[in-house]
C-alpha atoms as a PDB file:
ATOM      1  CA  MET A   1     139.351 161.829  91.068  1.00  0.00           C
ATOM      2  CA  GLU A   2     141.539 159.072  91.697  1.00  0.00           C
ATOM      3  CA  TYR A   3     142.662 157.388  88.485  1.00  0.00           C
ATOM      4  CA  SER A   4     143.235 153.584  88.163  1.00  0.00           C
ATOM      5  CA  HIS A   5     146.940 153.812  87.394  1.00  0.00           C
ATOM      6  CA  SER A   6     150.026 156.075  87.544  1.00  0.00           C
ATOM      7  CA  ASP A   7     150.547 158.228  84.525  1.00  0.00           C
ATOM      8  CA  ASP A   8     153.314 155.954  83.270  1.00  0.00           C
ATOM      9  CA  GLU A   9     151.064 152.873  83.623  1.00  0.00           C
ATOM     10  CA  LEU A  10     148.287 154.513  81.783  1.00  0.00           C
ATOM     11  CA  LEU A  11     150.404 155.239  78.893  1.00  0.00           C
ATOM     12  CA  ARG A  12     150.659 151.404  78.442  1.00  0.00           C
ATOM     13  CA  GLN A  13     146.816 150.817  78.985  1.00  0.00           C
ATOM     14  CA  PRO A  14     144.759 149.534  76.018  1.00  0.00           C
ATOM     15  CA  ILE A  15     142.701 152.356  74.420  1.00  0.00           C
ATOM     16  CA  GLY A  16     140.349 149.644  73.024  1.00  0.00           C
ATOM     17  CA  TYR A  17     139.390 148.711  76.672  1.00  0.00           C
ATOM     18  CA  TRP A  18     139.108 152.363  77.869  1.00  0.00           C
ATOM     19  CA  SER A  19     137.053 153.511  74.919  1.00  0.00           C
ATOM     20  CA  TRP A  20     134.751 150.515  75.236  1.00  0.00           C
ATOM     21  CA  ALA A  21     134.388 150.983  79.123  1.00  0.00           C
ATOM     22  CA  ALA A  22     133.558 154.871  78.525  1.00  0.00           C
ATOM     23  CA  TYR A  23     131.137 153.900  75.840  1.00  0.00           C
ATOM     24  CA  LYS A  24     129.308 151.311  77.860  1.00  0.00           C
ATOM     25  CA  ALA A  25     129.087 153.749  80.831  1.00  0.00           C
ATOM     26  CA  VAL A  26     127.732 156.663  78.757  1.00  0.00           C
ATOM     27  CA  VAL A  27     125.181 154.442  76.699  1.00  0.00           C
ATOM     28  CA  THR A  28     123.865 152.619  79.795  1.00  0.00           C
ATOM     29  CA  ARG A  29     123.436 155.777  81.705  1.00  0.00           C
ATOM     30  CA  THR A  30     121.769 157.581  78.784  1.00  0.00           C
ATOM     31  CA  ARG A  31     119.440 154.658  77.995  1.00  0.00           C
ATOM     32  CA  ALA A  32     118.489 154.292  81.616  1.00  0.00           C
ATOM     33  CA  ALA A  33     117.616 157.938  82.129  1.00  0.00           C
ATOM     34  CA  LEU A  34     115.511 157.824  78.792  1.00  0.00           C
ATOM     35  CA  ALA A  35     113.757 154.807  79.774  1.00  0.00           C
ATOM     36  CA  ASP A  36     112.769 156.432  83.014  1.00  0.00           C
ATOM     37  CA  LEU A  37     111.272 159.156  80.600  1.00  0.00           C
ATOM     38  CA  GLY A  38     109.516 156.533  78.779  1.00  0.00           C
ATOM     39  CA  THR A  39     111.629 156.237  75.554  1.00  0.00           C
ATOM     40  CA  THR A  40     114.329 154.722  73.852  1.00  0.00           C
ATOM     41  CA  GLN A  41     117.513 156.141  72.667  1.00  0.00           C
ATOM     42  CA  PRO A  42     116.599 155.443  68.976  1.00  0.00           C
ATOM     43  CA  GLN A  43     113.287 157.133  69.526  1.00  0.00           C
ATOM     44  CA  TRP A  44     115.160 160.232  70.904  1.00  0.00           C
ATOM     45  CA  TRP A  45     117.230 160.267  67.957  1.00  0.00           C
ATOM     46  CA  VAL A  46     114.323 160.328  65.635  1.00  0.00           C
ATOM     47  CA  LEU A  47     112.578 163.075  67.703  1.00  0.00           C
ATOM     48  CA  ALA A  48     115.738 165.115  67.598  1.00  0.00           C
ATOM     49  CA  GLN A  49     116.032 164.831  63.915  1.00  0.00           C
ATOM     50  CA  VAL A  50     112.652 165.651  63.145  1.00  0.00           C
ATOM     51  CA  ALA A  51     112.473 168.561  65.795  1.00  0.00           C
ATOM     52  CA  ARG A  52     115.681 170.126  64.870  1.00  0.00           C
ATOM     53  CA  ALA A  53     115.193 169.949  61.010  1.00  0.00           C
ATOM     54  CA  ASP A  54     115.132 173.162  59.059  1.00  0.00           C
ATOM     55  CA  SER A  55     112.384 171.490  57.054  1.00  0.00           C
ATOM     56  CA  PRO A  56     110.609 168.219  57.302  1.00  0.00           C
ATOM     57  CA  ARG A  57     112.776 165.279  56.349  1.00  0.00           C
ATOM     58  CA  THR A  58     111.590 162.071  54.849  1.00  0.00           C
ATOM     59  CA  ARG A  59     111.532 158.530  56.769  1.00  0.00           C
ATOM     60  CA  ALA A  60     114.296 157.615  54.324  1.00  0.00           C
ATOM     61  CA  GLU A  61     116.513 160.686  55.303  1.00  0.00           C
ATOM     62  CA  VAL A  62     116.006 159.986  59.068  1.00  0.00           C
ATOM     63  CA  SER A  63     116.492 156.334  58.920  1.00  0.00           C
ATOM     64  CA  GLY A  64     119.533 156.364  56.538  1.00  0.00           C
ATOM     65  CA  LEU A  65     121.094 158.779  58.883  1.00  0.00           C
ATOM     66  CA  LEU A  66     120.418 157.077  61.997  1.00  0.00           C
ATOM     67  CA  GLU A  67     120.894 153.495  61.109  1.00  0.00           C
ATOM     68  CA  ASN A  68     124.563 153.646  61.764  1.00  0.00           C
ATOM     69  CA  TYR A  69     124.477 155.169  65.046  1.00  0.00           C
ATOM     70  CA  LEU A  70     125.682 152.565  67.448  1.00  0.00           C
ATOM     71  CA  ASP A  71     125.248 149.887  64.760  1.00  0.00           C
ATOM     72  CA  THR A  72     121.453 150.192  65.176  1.00  0.00           C
ATOM     73  CA  GLY A  73     120.901 149.077  61.653  1.00  0.00           C
ATOM     74  CA  HIS A  74     118.111 149.840  59.069  1.00  0.00           C
ATOM     75  CA  ASP A  75     115.333 147.499  60.193  1.00  0.00           C
ATOM     76  CA  ALA A  76     115.649 148.631  63.800  1.00  0.00           C
ATOM     77  CA  MET A  77     115.620 152.230  62.956  1.00  0.00           C
ATOM     78  CA  GLU A  78     112.432 151.766  60.760  1.00  0.00           C
ATOM     79  CA  SER A  79     110.831 150.021  63.697  1.00  0.00           C
ATOM     80  CA  GLU A  80     111.779 152.908  65.988  1.00  0.00           C
ATOM     81  CA  ILE A  81     110.275 155.282  63.709  1.00  0.00           C
ATOM     82  CA  ASP A  82     107.085 153.433  63.514  1.00  0.00           C
ATOM     83  CA  ARG A  83     107.000 153.325  67.410  1.00  0.00           C
ATOM     84  CA  THR A  84     107.597 157.171  67.373  1.00  0.00           C
ATOM     85  CA  ILE A  85     104.611 157.538  65.141  1.00  0.00           C
ATOM     86  CA  ASP A  86     102.501 155.109  67.143  1.00  0.00           C
ATOM     87  CA  ARG A  87     103.355 157.178  70.293  1.00  0.00           C
ATOM     88  CA  GLY A  88     101.763 160.114  68.623  1.00  0.00           C
ATOM     89  CA  TRP A  89     104.920 162.288  68.688  1.00  0.00           C
ATOM     90  CA  ILE A  90     105.463 162.445  64.773  1.00  0.00           C
ATOM     91  CA  THR A  91     103.223 161.915  61.882  1.00  0.00           C
ATOM     92  CA  GLU A  92     104.296 160.728  58.352  1.00  0.00           C
ATOM     93  CA  ASP A  93     102.532 162.387  55.395  1.00  0.00           C
ATOM     94  CA  PRO A  94     102.053 160.526  52.177  1.00  0.00           C
ATOM     95  CA  SER A  95     105.302 161.552  50.684  1.00  0.00           C
ATOM     96  CA  GLY A  96     107.001 159.991  53.694  1.00  0.00           C
ATOM     97  CA  ARG A  97     108.001 163.498  55.373  1.00  0.00           C
ATOM     98  CA  LEU A  98     107.991 163.284  59.151  1.00  0.00           C
ATOM     99  CA  ASN A  99     106.525 166.032  61.188  1.00  0.00           C
ATOM    100  CA  LEU A 100     106.361 166.589  64.877  1.00  0.00           C
ATOM    101  CA  THR A 101     103.004 166.611  66.741  1.00  0.00           C
ATOM    102  CA  PRO A 102     102.393 169.107  69.648  1.00  0.00           C
ATOM    103  CA  GLU A 103     102.688 166.034  71.907  1.00  0.00           C
ATOM    104  CA  GLY A 104     105.924 165.094  70.264  1.00  0.00           C
ATOM    105  CA  ARG A 105     107.101 168.869  70.844  1.00  0.00           C
ATOM    106  CA  ALA A 106     106.226 168.754  74.473  1.00  0.00           C
ATOM    107  CA  PHE A 107     108.026 165.313  74.863  1.00  0.00           C
ATOM    108  CA  PHE A 108     110.983 166.412  72.922  1.00  0.00           C
ATOM    109  CA  ASP A 109     111.408 169.469  75.078  1.00  0.00           C
ATOM    110  CA  LYS A 110     111.392 167.292  78.113  1.00  0.00           C
ATOM    111  CA  ALA A 111     113.918 164.837  76.810  1.00  0.00           C
ATOM    112  CA  ALA A 112     116.164 167.687  75.427  1.00  0.00           C
ATOM    113  CA  ALA A 113     116.166 169.053  79.087  1.00  0.00           C
ATOM    114  CA  LEU A 114     117.039 165.501  80.252  1.00  0.00           C
ATOM    115  CA  GLN A 115     119.809 165.157  77.667  1.00  0.00           C
ATOM    116  CA  ASP A 116     121.275 168.640  78.839  1.00  0.00           C
ATOM    117  CA  GLU A 117     121.402 167.186  82.392  1.00  0.00           C
ATOM    118  CA  LEU A 118     123.203 164.134  81.153  1.00  0.00           C
ATOM    119  CA  TRP A 119     125.603 166.236  79.131  1.00  0.00           C
ATOM    120  CA  ALA A 120     126.613 168.334  82.135  1.00  0.00           C
ATOM    121  CA  GLN A 121     126.827 165.177  84.228  1.00  0.00           C
ATOM    122  CA  ARG A 122     129.326 163.636  81.823  1.00  0.00           C
ATOM    123  CA  HIS A 123     131.262 166.791  81.499  1.00  0.00           C
ATOM    124  CA  ALA A 124     131.732 167.627  85.163  1.00  0.00           C
ATOM    125  CA  GLY A 125     135.216 168.410  85.851  1.00  0.00           C
ATOM    126  CA  ILE A 126     136.288 168.172  82.132  1.00  0.00           C
ATOM    127  CA  SER A 127     137.368 171.368  80.495  1.00  0.00           C
ATOM    128  CA  ASP A 128     136.400 172.141  76.865  1.00  0.00           C
ATOM    129  CA  GLU A 129     139.959 171.868  75.914  1.00  0.00           C
ATOM    130  CA  GLU A 130     140.304 168.485  77.486  1.00  0.00           C
ATOM    131  CA  TYR A 131     137.048 167.160  75.841  1.00  0.00           C
ATOM    132  CA  LEU A 132     138.161 168.368  72.249  1.00  0.00           C
ATOM    133  CA  THR A 133     141.682 166.827  72.861  1.00  0.00           C
ATOM    134  CA  THR A 134     139.912 163.576  73.815  1.00  0.00           C
ATOM    135  CA  LEU A 135     137.620 163.536  70.722  1.00  0.00           C
ATOM    136  CA  LYS A 136     140.613 164.279  68.426  1.00  0.00           C
ATOM    137  CA  VAL A 137     142.716 161.483  70.016  1.00  0.00           C
ATOM    138  CA  LEU A 138     139.820 158.943  69.560  1.00  0.00           C
ATOM    139  CA  GLN A 139     139.335 160.155  65.880  1.00  0.00           C
ATOM    140  CA  ARG A 140     142.979 159.686  65.303  1.00  0.00           C
ATOM    141  CA  VAL A 141     142.995 156.220  66.679  1.00  0.00           C
ATOM    142  CA  ILE A 142     140.004 155.266  64.605  1.00  0.00           C
ATOM    143  CA  HIS A 143     142.004 156.795  61.491  1.00  0.00           C
ATOM    144  CA  ASN A 144     145.250 154.906  62.410  1.00  0.00           C
ATOM    145  CA  THR A 145     143.452 151.648  62.847  1.00  0.00           C
ATOM    146  CA  GLY A 146     141.714 151.888  59.460  1.00  0.00           C
ATOM    147  CA  GLY A 147     138.317 152.348  61.126  1.00  0.00           C
ATOM    148  CA  HIS A 148     135.448 154.536  59.841  1.00  0.00           C
ATOM    149  CA  ALA A 149     133.375 156.669  62.275  1.00  0.00           C
ATOM    150  CA  TRP A 150     130.998 159.437  61.518  1.00  0.00           C
ATOM    151  CA  HIS A 151     128.563 161.849  63.125  1.00  0.00           C
ATOM    152  CA  HIS A 152     126.890 164.737  61.543  1.00  0.00           C
END
């Protein structure tokens, strides 16, 4: 790959710009691929949380966990949960617990395979060591600037 600047010049480049550009590229690619599959990224998050849970989670648990993802917000996550229910991928019992339907399982499996493809695409030519270093550096930058980020 040809880089934008020499190593000395890259050392003076703003992390804010490059982290934003990486974010924009990754999220844009992910959302476009999921849209081609017929879903949104927040609906994927809902499906993944329900499908991968050891025991059924409540709407409040899923919404509370996901509302901070990419600044989605509480109201938007509630709407995305409703849309996922409307699509027949999950159900909500009277206690608020969310359960995957057979249709939801089939769609989740399809979307999970797509996410695996996207992961491989993003990581092409990047070693695990380089990836780990990058995430640690970004977390240190967040810490150093007084920011807060989290992911389970």
